[in-house]
Amino acid sequence: MALIADVEIPELPTGEATIVATHLENRCTPKCRRGQMDALLAYVKDERNPLVMAGDLNTTGKNNTPTSVRNEIMSRVTDYQFWIGQTVSYFHPLGIYKFALFPVHYLHGYNDPTAFHVPIFWDNRERSLFKTVEKFRFADERSFDFRGDPARTLEQRGRTLADSNERATKGFVPTYAFARDYGGLVGRFKLDWFFVKPFIQNPRGSGQSDWFAPHFPITMRELNESVADRISDHPPMTVDLPLTEPANAEIVSEQP
């Protein structure tokens, strides 16, 4: 599920950064992937180094468990949200609004697995994984950076995780696409992510240090599509991490 390495970087207070490369399961539910993330976070909780967690989290927002006709039937029989949704759709006056809002609902979660979740009406079961990461605190009381500072993005686009993962006009730039995606109408997903633990204690607080904080993320779709069959079904991603303390940083240095 993950490869973890400590990289020597003398400029950092601890002398090292911890790099975590992970790949969560695609053939399971969003709840299952959140459980895998819980296990990984518990494993790295005591890391005092600045840390980068990166990889394919398979955040499609879908249930991709191996299935059968029986499984499909049982998954609906036991899913209270399915039955409430059917009741609202067919037997309640609010049902017409549910159908009318379908285009809005589609755009709400388009390429944005971090979008808010309201059961039945604004369903996004992937959101809980991101809330888990945002609420997580390491043993040294530091957190992952969710600030999304537009000043640290190339396109000056802010909001959640924008300074570690490139945002598009709507949602994030996709990191996976089917060979035929019909101009982006289907088959494009934001699956791959950077999560960075710099020297901050509040994942969204302003006025904190930018030392080792993520800057200028890029998803290299053009490079990936520069050959006829694509280099890969996942384009490369980059993010800049300052290894020296910016002049305005407010941080108490630690001994390695």
C-alpha atoms as a PDB file:
ATOM      1  CA  MET A   1       0.000   0.000   0.000  1.00  0.00           C
ATOM      2  CA  ALA A   2       2.892   2.401   0.639  1.00  0.00           C
ATOM      3  CA  LEU A   3       6.643   2.881   0.329  1.00  0.00           C
ATOM      4  CA  ILE A   4       8.232   5.197   2.912  1.00  0.00           C
ATOM      5  CA  ALA A   5      11.728   6.696   2.785  1.00  0.00           C
ATOM      6  CA  ASP A   6      13.625   9.345   4.741  1.00  0.00           C
ATOM      7  CA  VAL A   7      15.609  11.687   2.489  1.00  0.00           C
ATOM      8  CA  GLU A   8      18.566  13.601   3.899  1.00  0.00           C
ATOM      9  CA  ILE A   9      18.095  17.378   3.483  1.00  0.00           C
ATOM     10  CA  PRO A  10      20.575  19.296   5.670  1.00  0.00           C
ATOM     11  CA  GLU A  11      18.671  22.598   5.267  1.00  0.00           C
ATOM     12  CA  LEU A  12      15.687  21.291   7.250  1.00  0.00           C
ATOM     13  CA  PRO A  13      15.602  21.463  11.074  1.00  0.00           C
ATOM     14  CA  THR A  14      15.393  17.674  11.414  1.00  0.00           C
ATOM     15  CA  GLY A  15      17.954  17.093   8.649  1.00  0.00           C
ATOM     16  CA  GLU A  16      15.500  14.885   6.758  1.00  0.00           C
ATOM     17  CA  ALA A  17      12.169  14.809   4.961  1.00  0.00           C
ATOM     18  CA  THR A  18       9.918  11.748   4.890  1.00  0.00           C
ATOM     19  CA  ILE A  19       8.472  10.719   1.531  1.00  0.00           C
ATOM     20  CA  VAL A  20       5.429   8.428   1.420  1.00  0.00           C
ATOM     21  CA  ALA A  21       4.416   6.915  -1.931  1.00  0.00           C
ATOM     22  CA  THR A  22       1.024   5.255  -1.706  1.00  0.00           C
ATOM     23  CA  HIS A  23      -1.541   3.576  -3.951  1.00  0.00           C
ATOM     24  CA  LEU A  24      -4.986   2.958  -2.481  1.00  0.00           C
ATOM     25  CA  GLU A  25      -7.276   0.207  -3.713  1.00  0.00           C
ATOM     26  CA  ASN A  26      -9.502   0.942  -6.684  1.00  0.00           C
ATOM     27  CA  ARG A  27     -11.759  -2.112  -6.417  1.00  0.00           C
ATOM     28  CA  CYS A  28     -13.487  -1.095  -3.214  1.00  0.00           C
ATOM     29  CA  THR A  29     -15.790   1.571  -1.813  1.00  0.00           C
ATOM     30  CA  PRO A  30     -14.790   5.128  -0.795  1.00  0.00           C
ATOM     31  CA  LYS A  31     -15.273   3.975   2.820  1.00  0.00           C
ATOM     32  CA  CYS A  32     -12.747   1.204   2.242  1.00  0.00           C
ATOM     33  CA  ARG A  33     -10.174   3.675   0.886  1.00  0.00           C
ATOM     34  CA  ARG A  34     -10.744   5.944   3.866  1.00  0.00           C
ATOM     35  CA  GLY A  35      -9.974   2.970   6.115  1.00  0.00           C
ATOM     36  CA  GLN A  36      -6.726   2.396   4.232  1.00  0.00           C
ATOM     37  CA  MET A  37      -5.843   6.075   4.682  1.00  0.00           C
ATOM     38  CA  ASP A  38      -6.596   5.807   8.418  1.00  0.00           C
ATOM     39  CA  ALA A  39      -4.146   2.910   8.669  1.00  0.00           C
ATOM     40  CA  LEU A  40      -1.438   4.788   6.760  1.00  0.00           C
ATOM     41  CA  LEU A  41      -1.845   7.943   8.842  1.00  0.00           C
ATOM     42  CA  ALA A  42      -1.594   5.926  12.056  1.00  0.00           C
ATOM     43  CA  TYR A  43       1.666   4.461  10.781  1.00  0.00           C
ATOM     44  CA  VAL A  44       3.283   7.867  10.120  1.00  0.00           C
ATOM     45  CA  LYS A  45       1.789   9.723  13.097  1.00  0.00           C
ATOM     46  CA  ASP A  46       5.074   9.852  15.013  1.00  0.00           C
ATOM     47  CA  GLU A  47       7.099  11.236  12.091  1.00  0.00           C
ATOM     48  CA  ARG A  48       8.655  14.556  13.156  1.00  0.00           C
ATOM     49  CA  ASN A  49      10.148  15.318   9.756  1.00  0.00           C
ATOM     50  CA  PRO A  50       8.451  17.447   7.141  1.00  0.00           C
ATOM     51  CA  LEU A  51       6.536  14.896   5.088  1.00  0.00           C
ATOM     52  CA  VAL A  52       5.151  14.425   1.591  1.00  0.00           C
ATOM     53  CA  MET A  53       2.441  11.850   0.947  1.00  0.00           C
ATOM     54  CA  ALA A  54       1.777  11.309  -2.735  1.00  0.00           C
ATOM     55  CA  GLY A  55       0.205   8.764  -5.015  1.00  0.00           C
ATOM     56  CA  ASP A  56      -2.890   7.365  -6.673  1.00  0.00           C
ATOM     57  CA  LEU A  57      -5.771   7.451  -4.194  1.00  0.00           C
ATOM     58  CA  ASN A  58      -8.351   6.277  -6.773  1.00  0.00           C
ATOM     59  CA  THR A  59     -10.757   9.042  -5.792  1.00  0.00           C
ATOM     60  CA  THR A  60     -13.329   8.351  -8.482  1.00  0.00           C
ATOM     61  CA  GLY A  61     -16.226   8.818  -6.089  1.00  0.00           C
ATOM     62  CA  LYS A  62     -17.569   5.453  -7.216  1.00  0.00           C
ATOM     63  CA  ASN A  63     -17.972   2.002  -5.715  1.00  0.00           C
ATOM     64  CA  ASN A  64     -15.613  -0.125  -7.807  1.00  0.00           C
ATOM     65  CA  THR A  65     -15.784  -3.366  -5.856  1.00  0.00           C
ATOM     66  CA  PRO A  66     -15.925  -6.532  -7.997  1.00  0.00           C
ATOM     67  CA  THR A  67     -19.613  -7.090  -8.522  1.00  0.00           C
ATOM     68  CA  SER A  68     -22.348  -9.426  -9.668  1.00  0.00           C
ATOM     69  CA  VAL A  69     -26.106  -9.134 -10.156  1.00  0.00           C
ATOM     70  CA  ARG A  70     -26.598 -10.386  -6.597  1.00  0.00           C
ATOM     71  CA  ASN A  71     -24.123  -7.856  -5.182  1.00  0.00           C
ATOM     72  CA  GLU A  72     -25.776  -5.004  -7.057  1.00  0.00           C
ATOM     73  CA  ILE A  73     -29.197  -5.978  -5.689  1.00  0.00           C
ATOM     74  CA  MET A  74     -27.941  -6.447  -2.123  1.00  0.00           C
ATOM     75  CA  SER A  75     -25.989  -3.184  -2.141  1.00  0.00           C
ATOM     76  CA  ARG A  76     -29.232  -1.341  -2.844  1.00  0.00           C
ATOM     77  CA  VAL A  77     -31.380  -3.358  -0.457  1.00  0.00           C
ATOM     78  CA  THR A  78     -29.015  -2.489   2.423  1.00  0.00           C
ATOM     79  CA  ASP A  79     -28.348   1.145   1.448  1.00  0.00           C
ATOM     80  CA  TYR A  80     -30.741   3.476   3.285  1.00  0.00           C
ATOM     81  CA  GLN A  81     -29.680   6.418   1.125  1.00  0.00           C
ATOM     82  CA  PHE A  82     -30.769   4.545  -1.989  1.00  0.00           C
ATOM     83  CA  TRP A  83     -34.283   3.946  -0.607  1.00  0.00           C
ATOM     84  CA  ILE A  84     -34.676   7.484   0.708  1.00  0.00           C
ATOM     85  CA  GLY A  85     -33.533   8.798  -2.650  1.00  0.00           C
ATOM     86  CA  GLN A  86     -36.049   6.625  -4.493  1.00  0.00           C
ATOM     87  CA  THR A  87     -38.826   7.778  -2.177  1.00  0.00           C
ATOM     88  CA  VAL A  88     -37.954  11.434  -2.694  1.00  0.00           C
ATOM     89  CA  SER A  89     -37.643  10.938  -6.454  1.00  0.00           C
ATOM     90  CA  TYR A  90     -40.966   9.232  -7.077  1.00  0.00           C
ATOM     91  CA  PHE A  91     -43.333   9.873  -4.173  1.00  0.00           C
ATOM     92  CA  HIS A  92     -42.451  13.301  -2.810  1.00  0.00           C
ATOM     93  CA  PRO A  93     -42.917  16.740  -4.406  1.00  0.00           C
ATOM     94  CA  LEU A  94     -39.201  17.421  -3.840  1.00  0.00           C
ATOM     95  CA  GLY A  95     -38.444  14.717  -6.380  1.00  0.00           C
ATOM     96  CA  ILE A  96     -38.917  17.100  -9.292  1.00  0.00           C
ATOM     97  CA  TYR A  97     -36.196  19.313  -7.860  1.00  0.00           C
ATOM     98  CA  LYS A  98     -33.849  16.366  -7.612  1.00  0.00           C
ATOM     99  CA  PHE A  99     -34.244  15.650 -11.314  1.00  0.00           C
ATOM    100  CA  ALA A 100     -34.112  19.333 -12.232  1.00  0.00           C
ATOM    101  CA  LEU A 101     -30.890  19.789 -10.286  1.00  0.00           C
ATOM    102  CA  PHE A 102     -29.143  16.816 -11.895  1.00  0.00           C
ATOM    103  CA  PRO A 103     -26.918  19.024 -14.141  1.00  0.00           C
ATOM    104  CA  VAL A 104     -25.973  21.153 -11.138  1.00  0.00           C
ATOM    105  CA  HIS A 105     -25.252  18.023  -9.107  1.00  0.00           C
ATOM    106  CA  TYR A 106     -23.054  16.674 -11.896  1.00  0.00           C
ATOM    107  CA  LEU A 107     -21.029  19.897 -12.078  1.00  0.00           C
ATOM    108  CA  HIS A 108     -20.835  20.139  -8.288  1.00  0.00           C
ATOM    109  CA  GLY A 109     -18.572  17.105  -8.060  1.00  0.00           C
ATOM    110  CA  TYR A 110     -16.943  17.372 -11.485  1.00  0.00           C
ATOM    111  CA  ASN A 111     -13.222  16.644 -10.996  1.00  0.00           C
ATOM    112  CA  ASP A 112     -13.512  17.654  -7.341  1.00  0.00           C
ATOM    113  CA  PRO A 113     -13.612  14.748  -4.859  1.00  0.00           C
ATOM    114  CA  THR A 114     -13.184  17.327  -2.057  1.00  0.00           C
ATOM    115  CA  ALA A 115     -16.591  18.936  -2.779  1.00  0.00           C
ATOM    116  CA  PHE A 116     -19.089  19.012   0.088  1.00  0.00           C
ATOM    117  CA  HIS A 117     -21.300  16.008   0.834  1.00  0.00           C
ATOM    118  CA  VAL A 118     -25.006  16.072   1.669  1.00  0.00           C
ATOM    119  CA  PRO A 119     -26.532  12.568   1.624  1.00  0.00           C
ATOM    120  CA  ILE A 120     -29.040  11.900  -1.167  1.00  0.00           C
ATOM    121  CA  PHE A 121     -29.098  15.409  -2.648  1.00  0.00           C
ATOM    122  CA  TRP A 122     -25.367  16.225  -2.941  1.00  0.00           C
ATOM    123  CA  ASP A 123     -23.727  12.848  -2.611  1.00  0.00           C
ATOM    124  CA  ASN A 124     -19.918  12.766  -2.456  1.00  0.00           C
ATOM    125  CA  ARG A 125     -18.782   9.844  -0.327  1.00  0.00           C
ATOM    126  CA  GLU A 126     -15.134  10.497  -1.222  1.00  0.00           C
ATOM    127  CA  ARG A 127     -15.106  13.698   0.832  1.00  0.00           C
ATOM    128  CA  SER A 128     -14.641  11.840   4.121  1.00  0.00           C
ATOM    129  CA  LEU A 129     -11.156  10.711   3.065  1.00  0.00           C
ATOM    130  CA  PHE A 130     -10.069  14.323   2.596  1.00  0.00           C
ATOM    131  CA  LYS A 131     -11.662  15.423   5.868  1.00  0.00           C
ATOM    132  CA  THR A 132      -9.753  12.610   7.588  1.00  0.00           C
ATOM    133  CA  VAL A 133      -6.458  13.897   6.182  1.00  0.00           C
ATOM    134  CA  GLU A 134      -7.317  17.513   7.022  1.00  0.00           C
ATOM    135  CA  LYS A 135      -8.229  16.739  10.638  1.00  0.00           C
ATOM    136  CA  PHE A 136      -5.189  14.532  11.193  1.00  0.00           C
ATOM    137  CA  ARG A 137      -2.485  15.779  13.561  1.00  0.00           C
ATOM    138  CA  PHE A 138       0.995  14.319  13.855  1.00  0.00           C
ATOM    139  CA  ALA A 139       2.535  13.651  17.259  1.00  0.00           C
ATOM    140  CA  ASP A 140       4.380  17.007  16.995  1.00  0.00           C
ATOM    141  CA  GLU A 141       0.927  18.675  16.558  1.00  0.00           C
ATOM    142  CA  ARG A 142       1.616  19.635  12.950  1.00  0.00           C
ATOM    143  CA  SER A 143      -0.822  19.088  10.093  1.00  0.00           C
ATOM    144  CA  PHE A 144      -1.081  18.698   6.345  1.00  0.00           C
ATOM    145  CA  ASP A 145      -1.355  21.910   4.319  1.00  0.00           C
ATOM    146  CA  PHE A 146      -4.905  22.524   3.013  1.00  0.00           C
ATOM    147  CA  ARG A 147      -4.572  26.324   2.800  1.00  0.00           C
ATOM    148  CA  GLY A 148      -4.892  26.607  -0.967  1.00  0.00           C
ATOM    149  CA  ASP A 149      -3.159  29.993  -0.989  1.00  0.00           C
ATOM    150  CA  PRO A 150      -3.668  31.478  -4.497  1.00  0.00           C
ATOM    151  CA  ALA A 151      -0.325  33.301  -4.233  1.00  0.00           C
ATOM    152  CA  ARG A 152       1.358  29.887  -4.329  1.00  0.00           C
ATOM    153  CA  THR A 153      -0.383  28.771  -7.551  1.00  0.00           C
ATOM    154  CA  LEU A 154       0.511  29.517 -11.163  1.00  0.00           C
ATOM    155  CA  GLU A 155      -3.059  30.459 -12.140  1.00  0.00           C
ATOM    156  CA  GLN A 156      -3.842  32.382  -8.926  1.00  0.00           C
ATOM    157  CA  ARG A 157      -6.610  29.891  -8.120  1.00  0.00           C
ATOM    158  CA  GLY A 158      -7.216  29.377  -4.424  1.00  0.00           C
ATOM    159  CA  ARG A 159      -9.402  27.017  -2.349  1.00  0.00           C
ATOM    160  CA  THR A 160      -8.742  23.617  -0.800  1.00  0.00           C
ATOM    161  CA  LEU A 161      -5.369  22.046  -1.701  1.00  0.00           C
ATOM    162  CA  ALA A 162      -4.862  24.446  -4.631  1.00  0.00           C
ATOM    163  CA  ASP A 163      -1.207  25.074  -3.745  1.00  0.00           C
ATOM    164  CA  SER A 164      -0.340  21.365  -3.730  1.00  0.00           C
ATOM    165  CA  ASN A 165      -2.630  20.108  -6.522  1.00  0.00           C
ATOM    166  CA  GLU A 166      -3.365  22.120  -9.640  1.00  0.00           C
ATOM    167  CA  ARG A 167      -6.917  23.394  -9.842  1.00  0.00           C
ATOM    168  CA  ALA A 168      -8.817  23.912 -13.069  1.00  0.00           C
ATOM    169  CA  THR A 169     -11.616  26.364 -13.823  1.00  0.00           C
ATOM    170  CA  LYS A 170     -13.888  23.727 -12.258  1.00  0.00           C
ATOM    171  CA  GLY A 171     -12.436  21.297  -9.757  1.00  0.00           C
ATOM    172  CA  PHE A 172      -8.901  19.984 -10.195  1.00  0.00           C
ATOM    173  CA  VAL A 173      -6.941  19.217 -13.351  1.00  0.00           C
ATOM    174  CA  PRO A 174      -7.675  15.507 -14.019  1.00  0.00           C
ATOM    175  CA  THR A 175      -4.835  13.060 -13.485  1.00  0.00           C
ATOM    176  CA  TYR A 176      -6.469  10.103 -15.225  1.00  0.00           C
ATOM    177  CA  ALA A 177      -8.479   9.867 -18.421  1.00  0.00           C
ATOM    178  CA  PHE A 178      -9.951   7.152 -20.581  1.00  0.00           C
ATOM    179  CA  ALA A 179      -8.560   6.947 -24.102  1.00  0.00           C
ATOM    180  CA  ARG A 180     -11.969   8.195 -25.285  1.00  0.00           C
ATOM    181  CA  ASP A 181     -13.343  10.799 -22.914  1.00  0.00           C
ATOM    182  CA  TYR A 182     -15.580  12.642 -25.415  1.00  0.00           C
ATOM    183  CA  GLY A 183     -14.039  16.005 -24.734  1.00  0.00           C
ATOM    184  CA  GLY A 184     -14.086  15.543 -20.980  1.00  0.00           C
ATOM    185  CA  LEU A 185     -17.791  14.772 -20.636  1.00  0.00           C
ATOM    186  CA  VAL A 186     -16.939  11.374 -19.141  1.00  0.00           C
ATOM    187  CA  GLY A 187     -13.902   9.432 -18.072  1.00  0.00           C
ATOM    188  CA  ARG A 188     -11.740  12.137 -16.490  1.00  0.00           C
ATOM    189  CA  PHE A 189     -10.865  11.882 -12.813  1.00  0.00           C
ATOM    190  CA  LYS A 190      -8.610  13.483 -10.227  1.00  0.00           C
ATOM    191  CA  LEU A 191      -7.033  10.329  -8.798  1.00  0.00           C
ATOM    192  CA  ASP A 192      -3.493  11.392  -7.876  1.00  0.00           C
ATOM    193  CA  TRP A 193      -2.642  13.738  -5.018  1.00  0.00           C
ATOM    194  CA  PHE A 194       0.084  15.502  -3.075  1.00  0.00           C
ATOM    195  CA  PHE A 195      -0.408  16.013   0.672  1.00  0.00           C
ATOM    196  CA  VAL A 196       2.389  18.010   2.321  1.00  0.00           C
ATOM    197  CA  LYS A 197       3.208  18.383   6.006  1.00  0.00           C
ATOM    198  CA  PRO A 198       5.235  21.615   6.379  1.00  0.00           C
ATOM    199  CA  PHE A 199       5.839  23.567   9.603  1.00  0.00           C
ATOM    200  CA  ILE A 200       2.208  24.443  10.352  1.00  0.00           C
ATOM    201  CA  GLN A 201      -0.311  23.449  13.019  1.00  0.00           C
ATOM    202  CA  ASN A 202      -3.515  24.610  11.337  1.00  0.00           C
ATOM    203  CA  PRO A 203      -4.321  23.096   7.934  1.00  0.00           C
ATOM    204  CA  ARG A 204      -6.125  26.264   6.757  1.00  0.00           C
ATOM    205  CA  GLY A 205      -4.799  29.006   9.038  1.00  0.00           C
ATOM    206  CA  SER A 206      -3.228  32.148   7.602  1.00  0.00           C
ATOM    207  CA  GLY A 207      -0.008  33.789   8.789  1.00  0.00           C
ATOM    208  CA  GLN A 208       1.867  30.506   9.155  1.00  0.00           C
ATOM    209  CA  SER A 209       5.270  29.501   7.828  1.00  0.00           C
ATOM    210  CA  ASP A 210       5.736  28.815   4.104  1.00  0.00           C
ATOM    211  CA  TRP A 211       8.883  26.759   4.773  1.00  0.00           C
ATOM    212  CA  PHE A 212       8.488  23.418   2.934  1.00  0.00           C
ATOM    213  CA  ALA A 213       4.908  24.467   2.128  1.00  0.00           C
ATOM    214  CA  PRO A 214       3.711  23.439  -1.354  1.00  0.00           C
ATOM    215  CA  HIS A 215       4.070  25.946  -4.203  1.00  0.00           C
ATOM    216  CA  PHE A 216       3.069  26.036  -7.884  1.00  0.00           C
ATOM    217  CA  PRO A 217       1.658  22.544  -8.534  1.00  0.00           C
ATOM    218  CA  ILE A 218       1.528  21.369 -12.133  1.00  0.00           C
ATOM    219  CA  THR A 219      -0.223  18.437 -13.789  1.00  0.00           C
ATOM    220  CA  MET A 220       1.638  17.824 -17.050  1.00  0.00           C
ATOM    221  CA  ARG A 221      -1.201  16.712 -19.308  1.00  0.00           C
ATOM    222  CA  GLU A 222       0.297  18.345 -22.400  1.00  0.00           C
ATOM    223  CA  LEU A 223       3.580  16.493 -21.889  1.00  0.00           C
ATOM    224  CA  ASN A 224       1.746  13.228 -21.328  1.00  0.00           C
ATOM    225  CA  GLU A 225      -0.299  13.662 -24.512  1.00  0.00           C
ATOM    226  CA  SER A 226       2.656  14.729 -26.666  1.00  0.00           C
ATOM    227  CA  VAL A 227       2.808  11.255 -28.237  1.00  0.00           C
ATOM    228  CA  ALA A 228      -0.010   9.479 -30.030  1.00  0.00           C
ATOM    229  CA  ASP A 229      -0.743   6.821 -27.384  1.00  0.00           C
ATOM    230  CA  ARG A 230       0.142   8.986 -24.366  1.00  0.00           C
ATOM    231  CA  ILE A 231       3.161   8.352 -22.169  1.00  0.00           C
ATOM    232  CA  SER A 232       0.920   6.950 -19.460  1.00  0.00           C
ATOM    233  CA  ASP A 233      -2.733   6.891 -18.431  1.00  0.00           C
ATOM    234  CA  HIS A 234      -1.621   9.093 -15.480  1.00  0.00           C
ATOM    235  CA  PRO A 235       0.266  12.308 -16.372  1.00  0.00           C
ATOM    236  CA  PRO A 236       3.251  13.441 -14.262  1.00  0.00           C
ATOM    237  CA  MET A 237       2.661  15.899 -11.410  1.00  0.00           C
ATOM    238  CA  THR A 238       5.087  18.283  -9.726  1.00  0.00           C
ATOM    239  CA  VAL A 239       5.047  20.648  -6.749  1.00  0.00           C
ATOM    240  CA  ASP A 240       7.761  22.982  -5.451  1.00  0.00           C
ATOM    241  CA  LEU A 241       8.865  22.747  -1.801  1.00  0.00           C
ATOM    242  CA  PRO A 242      11.169  25.483  -0.401  1.00  0.00           C
ATOM    243  CA  LEU A 243      14.069  23.848   1.465  1.00  0.00           C
ATOM    244  CA  THR A 244      15.212  27.049   3.164  1.00  0.00           C
ATOM    245  CA  GLU A 245      13.230  29.237   5.517  1.00  0.00           C
ATOM    246  CA  PRO A 246      11.540  32.197   3.802  1.00  0.00           C
ATOM    247  CA  ALA A 247      12.332  35.601   5.284  1.00  0.00           C
ATOM    248  CA  ASN A 248       8.810  35.999   6.727  1.00  0.00           C
ATOM    249  CA  ALA A 249       8.616  32.530   8.293  1.00  0.00           C
ATOM    250  CA  GLU A 250       7.630  32.246  11.946  1.00  0.00           C
ATOM    251  CA  ILE A 251       8.857  28.903  13.218  1.00  0.00           C
ATOM    252  CA  VAL A 252      10.780  27.475  16.135  1.00  0.00           C
ATOM    253  CA  SER A 253      13.655  25.410  14.767  1.00  0.00           C
ATOM    254  CA  GLU A 254      14.148  21.882  16.015  1.00  0.00           C
ATOM    255  CA  GLN A 255      17.293  19.876  16.561  1.00  0.00           C
ATOM    256  CA  PRO A 256      17.655  16.724  14.375  1.00  0.00           C
END
